[in-house]
Amino acid sequence: MLEELEQAIRDKLKHAGWAAMRALLTDPSEDPAEDEVRRIEDAMRSMASKGEVALWKLTYKYGDLSMMAVSTPDMDLGADLEQRGAWATAERIPLDAHQKDV
């Protein structure tokens, strides 16, 4: 299951350079189950620990919602979103952060 999620993340990165946790849900139109969110975030952390991705905390500009995202290691997702006037801001999560919930 972890390998399948990691491959899905790699596929998303090929197209956009980044992917939010929500884009990897089985049904992104529904509220996600806690265990599904945990599996996706664990896959993202695993890839970050191997240097494959950079971890980010996305925060919606309108509302209290935040979620984990990943980007290619060389991408500054925060600057990219700001430049495009996107719906969210992004803050890099350091690899040594042991935060489980975003």
PDB file of N, CA and C in Angstrom:
ATOM      1  N   MET A   1       0.821  -1.201   0.000  1.00  0.00           N
ATOM      2  CA  MET A   1       0.000   0.000   0.000  1.00  0.00           C
ATOM      3  C   MET A   1       0.866   1.267   0.000  1.00  0.00           C
ATOM      4  N   LEU A   2       1.936   1.261   0.807  1.00  0.00           N
ATOM      5  CA  LEU A   2       2.822   2.416   0.861  1.00  0.00           C
ATOM      6  C   LEU A   2       3.466   2.664  -0.503  1.00  0.00           C
ATOM      7  N   GLU A   3       3.924   1.609  -1.148  1.00  0.00           N
ATOM      8  CA  GLU A   3       4.560   1.753  -2.463  1.00  0.00           C
ATOM      9  C   GLU A   3       3.575   2.308  -3.495  1.00  0.00           C
ATOM     10  N   GLU A   4       2.313   1.874  -3.433  1.00  0.00           N
ATOM     11  CA  GLU A   4       1.292   2.387  -4.358  1.00  0.00           C
ATOM     12  C   GLU A   4       1.069   3.874  -4.140  1.00  0.00           C
ATOM     13  N   LEU A   5       1.003   4.301  -2.889  1.00  0.00           N
ATOM     14  CA  LEU A   5       0.837   5.723  -2.592  1.00  0.00           C
ATOM     15  C   LEU A   5       2.053   6.526  -3.056  1.00  0.00           C
ATOM     16  N   GLU A   6       3.232   5.994  -2.797  1.00  0.00           N
ATOM     17  CA  GLU A   6       4.439   6.698  -3.234  1.00  0.00           C
ATOM     18  C   GLU A   6       4.464   6.835  -4.757  1.00  0.00           C
ATOM     19  N   GLN A   7       4.032   5.819  -5.465  1.00  0.00           N
ATOM     20  CA  GLN A   7       3.997   5.911  -6.926  1.00  0.00           C
ATOM     21  C   GLN A   7       2.951   6.928  -7.382  1.00  0.00           C
ATOM     22  N   ALA A   8       1.815   6.974  -6.714  1.00  0.00           N
ATOM     23  CA  ALA A   8       0.786   7.965  -7.044  1.00  0.00           C
ATOM     24  C   ALA A   8       1.327   9.376  -6.825  1.00  0.00           C
ATOM     25  N   ILE A   9       2.112   9.566  -5.775  1.00  0.00           N
ATOM     26  CA  ILE A   9       2.719  10.877  -5.513  1.00  0.00           C
ATOM     27  C   ILE A   9       3.721  11.209  -6.614  1.00  0.00           C
ATOM     28  N   ARG A  10       4.556  10.272  -6.981  1.00  0.00           N
ATOM     29  CA  ARG A  10       5.519  10.507  -8.074  1.00  0.00           C
ATOM     30  C   ARG A  10       4.807  10.905  -9.359  1.00  0.00           C
ATOM     31  N   ASP A  11       3.695  10.242  -9.656  1.00  0.00           N
ATOM     32  CA  ASP A  11       2.926  10.559 -10.863  1.00  0.00           C
ATOM     33  C   ASP A  11       2.396  11.990 -10.819  1.00  0.00           C
ATOM     34  N   LYS A  12       1.892  12.414  -9.658  1.00  0.00           N
ATOM     35  CA  LYS A  12       1.387  13.792  -9.517  1.00  0.00           C
ATOM     36  C   LYS A  12       2.523  14.803  -9.682  1.00  0.00           C
ATOM     37  N   LEU A  13       3.693  14.493  -9.132  1.00  0.00           N
ATOM     38  CA  LEU A  13       4.824  15.420  -9.211  1.00  0.00           C
ATOM     39  C   LEU A  13       5.296  15.611 -10.645  1.00  0.00           C
ATOM     40  N   LYS A  14       5.166  14.593 -11.476  1.00  0.00           N
ATOM     41  CA  LYS A  14       5.583  14.702 -12.880  1.00  0.00           C
ATOM     42  C   LYS A  14       4.812  15.796 -13.607  1.00  0.00           C
ATOM     43  N   HIS A  15       3.556  15.989 -13.242  1.00  0.00           N
ATOM     44  CA  HIS A  15       2.709  16.941 -13.962  1.00  0.00           C
ATOM     45  C   HIS A  15       2.760  18.360 -13.396  1.00  0.00           C
ATOM     46  N   ALA A  16       2.664  18.473 -12.081  1.00  0.00           N
ATOM     47  CA  ALA A  16       2.554  19.803 -11.484  1.00  0.00           C
ATOM     48  C   ALA A  16       3.764  20.216 -10.663  1.00  0.00           C
ATOM     49  N   GLY A  17       4.609  19.266 -10.283  1.00  0.00           N
ATOM     50  CA  GLY A  17       5.740  19.588  -9.422  1.00  0.00           C
ATOM     51  C   GLY A  17       5.397  19.542  -7.954  1.00  0.00           C
ATOM     52  N   TRP A  18       4.098  19.417  -7.628  1.00  0.00           N
ATOM     53  CA  TRP A  18       3.674  19.319  -6.237  1.00  0.00           C
ATOM     54  C   TRP A  18       2.321  18.631  -6.173  1.00  0.00           C
ATOM     55  N   ALA A  19       1.972  18.158  -4.978  1.00  0.00           N
ATOM     56  CA  ALA A  19       0.682  17.510  -4.772  1.00  0.00           C
ATOM     57  C   ALA A  19       0.248  17.699  -3.333  1.00  0.00           C
ATOM     58  N   ALA A  20      -1.008  18.044  -3.152  1.00  0.00           N
ATOM     59  CA  ALA A  20      -1.584  18.147  -1.818  1.00  0.00           C
ATOM     60  C   ALA A  20      -2.153  16.802  -1.404  1.00  0.00           C
ATOM     61  N   MET A  21      -2.247  16.598  -0.118  1.00  0.00           N
ATOM     62  CA  MET A  21      -2.799  15.361   0.419  1.00  0.00           C
ATOM     63  C   MET A  21      -4.171  15.082  -0.181  1.00  0.00           C
ATOM     64  N   ARG A  22      -4.987  16.090  -0.326  1.00  0.00           N
ATOM     65  CA  ARG A  22      -6.361  15.924  -0.822  1.00  0.00           C
ATOM     66  C   ARG A  22      -6.390  15.319  -2.226  1.00  0.00           C
ATOM     67  N   ALA A  23      -5.406  15.614  -3.047  1.00  0.00           N
ATOM     68  CA  ALA A  23      -5.373  15.092  -4.418  1.00  0.00           C
ATOM     69  C   ALA A  23      -5.122  13.595  -4.458  1.00  0.00           C
ATOM     70  N   LEU A  24      -4.716  13.014  -3.350  1.00  0.00           N
ATOM     71  CA  LEU A  24      -4.397  11.593  -3.305  1.00  0.00           C
ATOM     72  C   LEU A  24      -5.475  10.759  -2.625  1.00  0.00           C
ATOM     73  N   LEU A  25      -6.540  11.405  -2.192  1.00  0.00           N
ATOM     74  CA  LEU A  25      -7.634  10.690  -1.535  1.00  0.00           C
ATOM     75  C   LEU A  25      -8.376   9.807  -2.529  1.00  0.00           C
ATOM     76  N   THR A  26      -8.951   8.741  -2.021  1.00  0.00           N
ATOM     77  CA  THR A  26      -9.771   7.870  -2.854  1.00  0.00           C
ATOM     78  C   THR A  26     -10.917   8.655  -3.468  1.00  0.00           C
ATOM     79  N   ASP A  27     -11.577   9.509  -2.667  1.00  0.00           N
ATOM     80  CA  ASP A  27     -12.656  10.363  -3.159  1.00  0.00           C
ATOM     81  C   ASP A  27     -12.442  11.770  -2.618  1.00  0.00           C
ATOM     82  N   PRO A  28     -11.788  12.639  -3.386  1.00  0.00           N
ATOM     83  CA  PRO A  28     -11.471  13.985  -2.891  1.00  0.00           C
ATOM     84  C   PRO A  28     -12.695  14.858  -2.622  1.00  0.00           C
ATOM     85  N   SER A  29     -13.868  14.455  -3.112  1.00  0.00           N
ATOM     86  CA  SER A  29     -15.067  15.257  -2.888  1.00  0.00           C
ATOM     87  C   SER A  29     -15.688  14.992  -1.519  1.00  0.00           C
ATOM     88  N   GLU A  30     -15.257  13.937  -0.843  1.00  0.00           N
ATOM     89  CA  GLU A  30     -15.775  13.573   0.483  1.00  0.00           C
ATOM     90  C   GLU A  30     -14.787  13.991   1.568  1.00  0.00           C
ATOM     91  N   ASP A  31     -15.286  14.133   2.787  1.00  0.00           N
ATOM     92  CA  ASP A  31     -14.386  14.337   3.917  1.00  0.00           C
ATOM     93  C   ASP A  31     -13.576  13.058   4.106  1.00  0.00           C
ATOM     94  N   PRO A  32     -12.278  13.174   4.209  1.00  0.00           N
ATOM     95  CA  PRO A  32     -11.443  11.969   4.270  1.00  0.00           C
ATOM     96  C   PRO A  32     -11.515  11.264   5.623  1.00  0.00           C
ATOM     97  N   ALA A  33     -11.357   9.956   5.575  1.00  0.00           N
ATOM     98  CA  ALA A  33     -11.251   9.174   6.801  1.00  0.00           C
ATOM     99  C   ALA A  33      -9.877   9.428   7.415  1.00  0.00           C
ATOM    100  N   GLU A  34      -9.814   9.464   8.722  1.00  0.00           N
ATOM    101  CA  GLU A  34      -8.569   9.757   9.419  1.00  0.00           C
ATOM    102  C   GLU A  34      -7.450   8.777   9.053  1.00  0.00           C
ATOM    103  N   ASP A  35      -7.793   7.500   8.904  1.00  0.00           N
ATOM    104  CA  ASP A  35      -6.763   6.514   8.581  1.00  0.00           C
ATOM    105  C   ASP A  35      -6.230   6.699   7.161  1.00  0.00           C
ATOM    106  N   GLU A  36      -7.077   7.171   6.246  1.00  0.00           N
ATOM    107  CA  GLU A  36      -6.602   7.424   4.885  1.00  0.00           C
ATOM    108  C   GLU A  36      -5.649   8.613   4.866  1.00  0.00           C
ATOM    109  N   VAL A  37      -5.987   9.659   5.588  1.00  0.00           N
ATOM    110  CA  VAL A  37      -5.106  10.826   5.694  1.00  0.00           C
ATOM    111  C   VAL A  37      -3.769  10.407   6.287  1.00  0.00           C
ATOM    112  N   ARG A  38      -3.801   9.598   7.333  1.00  0.00           N
ATOM    113  CA  ARG A  38      -2.572   9.147   7.986  1.00  0.00           C
ATOM    114  C   ARG A  38      -1.689   8.355   7.016  1.00  0.00           C
ATOM    115  N   ARG A  39      -2.294   7.459   6.233  1.00  0.00           N
ATOM    116  CA  ARG A  39      -1.510   6.666   5.272  1.00  0.00           C
ATOM    117  C   ARG A  39      -0.843   7.564   4.226  1.00  0.00           C
ATOM    118  N   ILE A  40      -1.582   8.544   3.726  1.00  0.00           N
ATOM    119  CA  ILE A  40      -1.028   9.452   2.710  1.00  0.00           C
ATOM    120  C   ILE A  40       0.110  10.273   3.308  1.00  0.00           C
ATOM    121  N   GLU A  41      -0.104  10.822   4.492  1.00  0.00           N
ATOM    122  CA  GLU A  41       0.939  11.624   5.130  1.00  0.00           C
ATOM    123  C   GLU A  41       2.162  10.775   5.466  1.00  0.00           C
ATOM    124  N   ASP A  42       1.946   9.537   5.883  1.00  0.00           N
ATOM    125  CA  ASP A  42       3.078   8.643   6.156  1.00  0.00           C
ATOM    126  C   ASP A  42       3.883   8.386   4.890  1.00  0.00           C
ATOM    127  N   ALA A  43       3.200   8.217   3.753  1.00  0.00           N
ATOM    128  CA  ALA A  43       3.895   8.017   2.473  1.00  0.00           C
ATOM    129  C   ALA A  43       4.697   9.266   2.112  1.00  0.00           C
ATOM    130  N   MET A  44       4.121  10.445   2.336  1.00  0.00           N
ATOM    131  CA  MET A  44       4.823  11.694   2.051  1.00  0.00           C
ATOM    132  C   MET A  44       6.066  11.825   2.923  1.00  0.00           C
ATOM    133  N   ARG A  45       5.934  11.515   4.215  1.00  0.00           N
ATOM    134  CA  ARG A  45       7.076  11.586   5.125  1.00  0.00           C
ATOM    135  C   ARG A  45       8.165  10.587   4.736  1.00  0.00           C
ATOM    136  N   SER A  46       7.740   9.398   4.340  1.00  0.00           N
ATOM    137  CA  SER A  46       8.694   8.375   3.919  1.00  0.00           C
ATOM    138  C   SER A  46       9.509   8.860   2.726  1.00  0.00           C
ATOM    139  N   MET A  47       8.834   9.443   1.746  1.00  0.00           N
ATOM    140  CA  MET A  47       9.526   9.950   0.564  1.00  0.00           C
ATOM    141  C   MET A  47      10.450  11.109   0.927  1.00  0.00           C
ATOM    142  N   ALA A  48      10.015  11.966   1.851  1.00  0.00           N
ATOM    143  CA  ALA A  48      10.852  13.096   2.270  1.00  0.00           C
ATOM    144  C   ALA A  48      12.104  12.593   2.980  1.00  0.00           C
ATOM    145  N   SER A  49      11.959  11.547   3.778  1.00  0.00           N
ATOM    146  CA  SER A  49      13.125  11.017   4.493  1.00  0.00           C
ATOM    147  C   SER A  49      14.148  10.419   3.535  1.00  0.00           C
ATOM    148  N   LYS A  50      13.703  10.026   2.340  1.00  0.00           N
ATOM    149  CA  LYS A  50      14.606   9.496   1.312  1.00  0.00           C
ATOM    150  C   LYS A  50      15.100  10.588   0.370  1.00  0.00           C
ATOM    151  N   GLY A  51      14.678  11.843   0.617  1.00  0.00           N
ATOM    152  CA  GLY A  51      15.129  12.955  -0.207  1.00  0.00           C
ATOM    153  C   GLY A  51      14.406  13.084  -1.531  1.00  0.00           C
ATOM    154  N   GLU A  52      13.313  12.367  -1.705  1.00  0.00           N
ATOM    155  CA  GLU A  52      12.578  12.407  -2.972  1.00  0.00           C
ATOM    156  C   GLU A  52      11.678  13.629  -3.100  1.00  0.00           C
ATOM    157  N   VAL A  53      11.202  14.154  -1.970  1.00  0.00           N
ATOM    158  CA  VAL A  53      10.260  15.266  -1.979  1.00  0.00           C
ATOM    159  C   VAL A  53      10.573  16.214  -0.839  1.00  0.00           C
ATOM    160  N   ALA A  54      10.012  17.412  -0.904  1.00  0.00           N
ATOM    161  CA  ALA A  54      10.024  18.363   0.204  1.00  0.00           C
ATOM    162  C   ALA A  54       8.619  18.393   0.783  1.00  0.00           C
ATOM    163  N   LEU A  55       8.524  18.461   2.101  1.00  0.00           N
ATOM    164  CA  LEU A  55       7.230  18.512   2.782  1.00  0.00           C
ATOM    165  C   LEU A  55       6.791  19.957   2.991  1.00  0.00           C
ATOM    166  N   TRP A  56       5.488  20.183   2.860  1.00  0.00           N
ATOM    167  CA  TRP A  56       4.916  21.511   3.040  1.00  0.00           C
ATOM    168  C   TRP A  56       3.623  21.435   3.827  1.00  0.00           C
ATOM    169  N   LYS A  57       3.305  22.484   4.544  1.00  0.00           N
ATOM    170  CA  LYS A  57       2.007  22.646   5.172  1.00  0.00           C
ATOM    171  C   LYS A  57       1.257  23.696   4.363  1.00  0.00           C
ATOM    172  N   LEU A  58       0.178  23.273   3.716  1.00  0.00           N
ATOM    173  CA  LEU A  58      -0.675  24.196   2.973  1.00  0.00           C
ATOM    174  C   LEU A  58      -1.746  24.714   3.912  1.00  0.00           C
ATOM    175  N   THR A  59      -1.978  26.012   3.897  1.00  0.00           N
ATOM    176  CA  THR A  59      -3.031  26.605   4.707  1.00  0.00           C
ATOM    177  C   THR A  59      -3.919  27.441   3.797  1.00  0.00           C
ATOM    178  N   TYR A  60      -5.201  27.110   3.799  1.00  0.00           N
ATOM    179  CA  TYR A  60      -6.150  27.881   3.002  1.00  0.00           C
ATOM    180  C   TYR A  60      -6.157  29.320   3.469  1.00  0.00           C
ATOM    181  N   LYS A  61      -6.245  30.250   2.535  1.00  0.00           N
ATOM    182  CA  LYS A  61      -6.297  31.664   2.897  1.00  0.00           C
ATOM    183  C   LYS A  61      -7.626  32.015   3.543  1.00  0.00           C
ATOM    184  N   TYR A  62      -8.666  31.289   3.219  1.00  0.00           N
ATOM    185  CA  TYR A  62      -9.999  31.565   3.736  1.00  0.00           C
ATOM    186  C   TYR A  62     -10.473  30.346   4.515  1.00  0.00           C
ATOM    187  N   GLY A  63     -10.453  30.452   5.835  1.00  0.00           N
ATOM    188  CA  GLY A  63     -10.871  29.333   6.668  1.00  0.00           C
ATOM    189  C   GLY A  63      -9.713  28.769   7.463  1.00  0.00           C
ATOM    190  N   ASP A  64     -10.008  27.726   8.213  1.00  0.00           N
ATOM    191  CA  ASP A  64      -9.028  27.133   9.117  1.00  0.00           C
ATOM    192  C   ASP A  64      -8.384  25.869   8.585  1.00  0.00           C
ATOM    193  N   LEU A  65      -8.629  25.513   7.368  1.00  0.00           N
ATOM    194  CA  LEU A  65      -8.155  24.239   6.847  1.00  0.00           C
ATOM    195  C   LEU A  65      -6.682  24.284   6.463  1.00  0.00           C
ATOM    196  N   SER A  66      -5.961  23.244   6.875  1.00  0.00           N
ATOM    197  CA  SER A  66      -4.585  23.076   6.424  1.00  0.00           C
ATOM    198  C   SER A  66      -4.367  21.598   6.148  1.00  0.00           C
ATOM    199  N   MET A  67      -3.376  21.309   5.324  1.00  0.00           N
ATOM    200  CA  MET A  67      -3.075  19.923   4.971  1.00  0.00           C
ATOM    201  C   MET A  67      -1.630  19.818   4.531  1.00  0.00           C
ATOM    202  N   MET A  68      -1.136  18.594   4.516  1.00  0.00           N
ATOM    203  CA  MET A  68       0.226  18.340   4.079  1.00  0.00           C
ATOM    204  C   MET A  68       0.271  18.292   2.551  1.00  0.00           C
ATOM    205  N   ALA A  69       1.394  18.718   2.021  1.00  0.00           N
ATOM    206  CA  ALA A  69       1.645  18.639   0.585  1.00  0.00           C
ATOM    207  C   ALA A  69       3.117  18.294   0.395  1.00  0.00           C
ATOM    208  N   VAL A  70       3.446  17.883  -0.804  1.00  0.00           N
ATOM    209  CA  VAL A  70       4.836  17.624  -1.163  1.00  0.00           C
ATOM    210  C   VAL A  70       5.131  18.305  -2.488  1.00  0.00           C
ATOM    211  N   SER A  71       6.408  18.566  -2.691  1.00  0.00           N
ATOM    212  CA  SER A  71       6.852  19.120  -3.975  1.00  0.00           C
ATOM    213  C   SER A  71       8.164  18.442  -4.340  1.00  0.00           C
ATOM    214  N   THR A  72       8.596  18.706  -5.551  1.00  0.00           N
ATOM    215  CA  THR A  72       9.924  18.259  -5.905  1.00  0.00           C
ATOM    216  C   THR A  72      10.892  18.975  -4.957  1.00  0.00           C
ATOM    217  N   PRO A  73      12.031  18.358  -4.633  1.00  0.00           N
ATOM    218  CA  PRO A  73      12.930  18.942  -3.633  1.00  0.00           C
ATOM    219  C   PRO A  73      13.418  20.349  -3.961  1.00  0.00           C
ATOM    220  N   ASP A  74      13.521  20.675  -5.231  1.00  0.00           N
ATOM    221  CA  ASP A  74      14.062  21.977  -5.619  1.00  0.00           C
ATOM    222  C   ASP A  74      13.004  23.063  -5.768  1.00  0.00           C
ATOM    223  N   MET A  75      11.748  22.744  -5.589  1.00  0.00           N
ATOM    224  CA  MET A  75      10.667  23.717  -5.779  1.00  0.00           C
ATOM    225  C   MET A  75      10.403  24.484  -4.491  1.00  0.00           C
ATOM    226  N   ASP A  76      10.220  25.802  -4.603  1.00  0.00           N
ATOM    227  CA  ASP A  76       9.785  26.614  -3.474  1.00  0.00           C
ATOM    228  C   ASP A  76       8.282  26.804  -3.627  1.00  0.00           C
ATOM    229  N   LEU A  77       7.528  25.875  -3.064  1.00  0.00           N
ATOM    230  CA  LEU A  77       6.081  25.883  -3.238  1.00  0.00           C
ATOM    231  C   LEU A  77       5.449  27.146  -2.680  1.00  0.00           C
ATOM    232  N   GLY A  78       5.950  27.633  -1.553  1.00  0.00           N
ATOM    233  CA  GLY A  78       5.416  28.860  -0.970  1.00  0.00           C
ATOM    234  C   GLY A  78       5.517  30.031  -1.925  1.00  0.00           C
ATOM    235  N   ALA A  79       6.680  30.226  -2.519  1.00  0.00           N
ATOM    236  CA  ALA A  79       6.883  31.326  -3.469  1.00  0.00           C
ATOM    237  C   ALA A  79       6.031  31.122  -4.719  1.00  0.00           C
ATOM    238  N   ASP A  80       5.942  29.883  -5.181  1.00  0.00           N
ATOM    239  CA  ASP A  80       5.150  29.587  -6.373  1.00  0.00           C
ATOM    240  C   ASP A  80       3.674  29.930  -6.155  1.00  0.00           C
ATOM    241  N   LEU A  81       3.124  29.524  -5.025  1.00  0.00           N
ATOM    242  CA  LEU A  81       1.716  29.816  -4.742  1.00  0.00           C
ATOM    243  C   LEU A  81       1.481  31.311  -4.583  1.00  0.00           C
ATOM    244  N   GLU A  82       2.402  31.988  -3.909  1.00  0.00           N
ATOM    245  CA  GLU A  82       2.268  33.434  -3.725  1.00  0.00           C
ATOM    246  C   GLU A  82       2.305  34.165  -5.063  1.00  0.00           C
ATOM    247  N   GLN A  83       3.228  33.775  -5.924  1.00  0.00           N
ATOM    248  CA  GLN A  83       3.367  34.411  -7.231  1.00  0.00           C
ATOM    249  C   GLN A  83       2.091  34.240  -8.070  1.00  0.00           C
ATOM    250  N   ARG A  84       1.449  33.095  -7.939  1.00  0.00           N
ATOM    251  CA  ARG A  84       0.248  32.837  -8.727  1.00  0.00           C
ATOM    252  C   ARG A  84      -1.028  33.334  -8.058  1.00  0.00           C
ATOM    253  N   GLY A  85      -0.916  33.900  -6.868  1.00  0.00           N
ATOM    254  CA  GLY A  85      -2.110  34.363  -6.156  1.00  0.00           C
ATOM    255  C   GLY A  85      -3.044  33.211  -5.822  1.00  0.00           C
ATOM    256  N   ALA A  86      -2.462  32.101  -5.380  1.00  0.00           N
ATOM    257  CA  ALA A  86      -3.219  30.872  -5.154  1.00  0.00           C
ATOM    258  C   ALA A  86      -4.122  30.970  -3.927  1.00  0.00           C
ATOM    259  N   TRP A  87      -4.933  29.955  -3.756  1.00  0.00           N
ATOM    260  CA  TRP A  87      -5.912  29.839  -2.677  1.00  0.00           C
ATOM    261  C   TRP A  87      -5.304  29.480  -1.332  1.00  0.00           C
ATOM    262  N   ALA A  88      -3.998  29.214  -1.310  1.00  0.00           N
ATOM    263  CA  ALA A  88      -3.349  28.780  -0.071  1.00  0.00           C
ATOM    264  C   ALA A  88      -1.933  29.318   0.006  1.00  0.00           C
ATOM    265  N   THR A  89      -1.406  29.288   1.217  1.00  0.00           N
ATOM    266  CA  THR A  89       0.003  29.580   1.429  1.00  0.00           C
ATOM    267  C   THR A  89       0.690  28.261   1.778  1.00  0.00           C
ATOM    268  N   ALA A  90       1.993  28.213   1.631  1.00  0.00           N
ATOM    269  CA  ALA A  90       2.737  26.988   1.938  1.00  0.00           C
ATOM    270  C   ALA A  90       3.944  27.323   2.806  1.00  0.00           C
ATOM    271  N   GLU A  91       4.112  26.535   3.840  1.00  0.00           N
ATOM    272  CA  GLU A  91       5.250  26.678   4.748  1.00  0.00           C
ATOM    273  C   GLU A  91       5.994  25.350   4.771  1.00  0.00           C
ATOM    274  N   ARG A  92       7.296  25.418   4.553  1.00  0.00           N
ATOM    275  CA  ARG A  92       8.108  24.200   4.516  1.00  0.00           C
ATOM    276  C   ARG A  92       8.132  23.526   5.873  1.00  0.00           C
ATOM    277  N   ILE A  93       7.987  22.219   5.883  1.00  0.00           N
ATOM    278  CA  ILE A  93       8.077  21.429   7.105  1.00  0.00           C
ATOM    279  C   ILE A  93       9.471  20.817   7.131  1.00  0.00           C
ATOM    280  N   PRO A  94      10.278  21.159   8.121  1.00  0.00           N
ATOM    281  CA  PRO A  94      11.627  20.592   8.194  1.00  0.00           C
ATOM    282  C   PRO A  94      11.573  19.078   8.400  1.00  0.00           C
ATOM    283  N   LEU A  95      12.539  18.379   7.849  1.00  0.00           N
ATOM    284  CA  LEU A  95      12.583  16.928   7.980  1.00  0.00           C
ATOM    285  C   LEU A  95      12.653  16.471   9.424  1.00  0.00           C
ATOM    286  N   ASP A  96      13.281  17.251  10.279  1.00  0.00           N
ATOM    287  CA  ASP A  96      13.415  16.823  11.672  1.00  0.00           C
ATOM    288  C   ASP A  96      12.180  17.118  12.504  1.00  0.00           C
ATOM    289  N   ALA A  97      11.170  17.721  11.901  1.00  0.00           N
ATOM    290  CA  ALA A  97       9.930  17.990  12.639  1.00  0.00           C
ATOM    291  C   ALA A  97       9.200  16.679  12.854  1.00  0.00           C
ATOM    292  N   HIS A  98       8.808  16.444  14.065  1.00  0.00           N
ATOM    293  CA  HIS A  98       8.123  15.208  14.385  1.00  0.00           C
ATOM    294  C   HIS A  98       6.634  15.437  14.521  1.00  0.00           C
ATOM    295  N   GLN A  99       6.132  16.422  13.801  1.00  0.00           N
ATOM    296  CA  GLN A  99       4.731  16.735  13.908  1.00  0.00           C
ATOM    297  C   GLN A  99       3.935  15.731  13.076  1.00  0.00           C
ATOM    298  N   LYS A 100       2.972  15.130  13.674  1.00  0.00           N
ATOM    299  CA  LYS A 100       2.160  14.111  13.009  1.00  0.00           C
ATOM    300  C   LYS A 100       0.953  14.746  12.324  1.00  0.00           C
ATOM    301  N   ASP A 101       0.423  15.804  12.891  1.00  0.00           N
ATOM    302  CA  ASP A 101      -0.759  16.439  12.306  1.00  0.00           C
ATOM    303  C   ASP A 101      -0.389  17.799  11.765  1.00  0.00           C
ATOM    304  N   VAL A 102      -0.924  18.103  10.626  1.00  0.00           N
ATOM    305  CA  VAL A 102      -0.675  19.410  10.025  1.00  0.00           C
ATOM    306  C   VAL A 102      -1.865  20.283  10.283  1.00  0.00           C
TER     307      VAL A 102
END
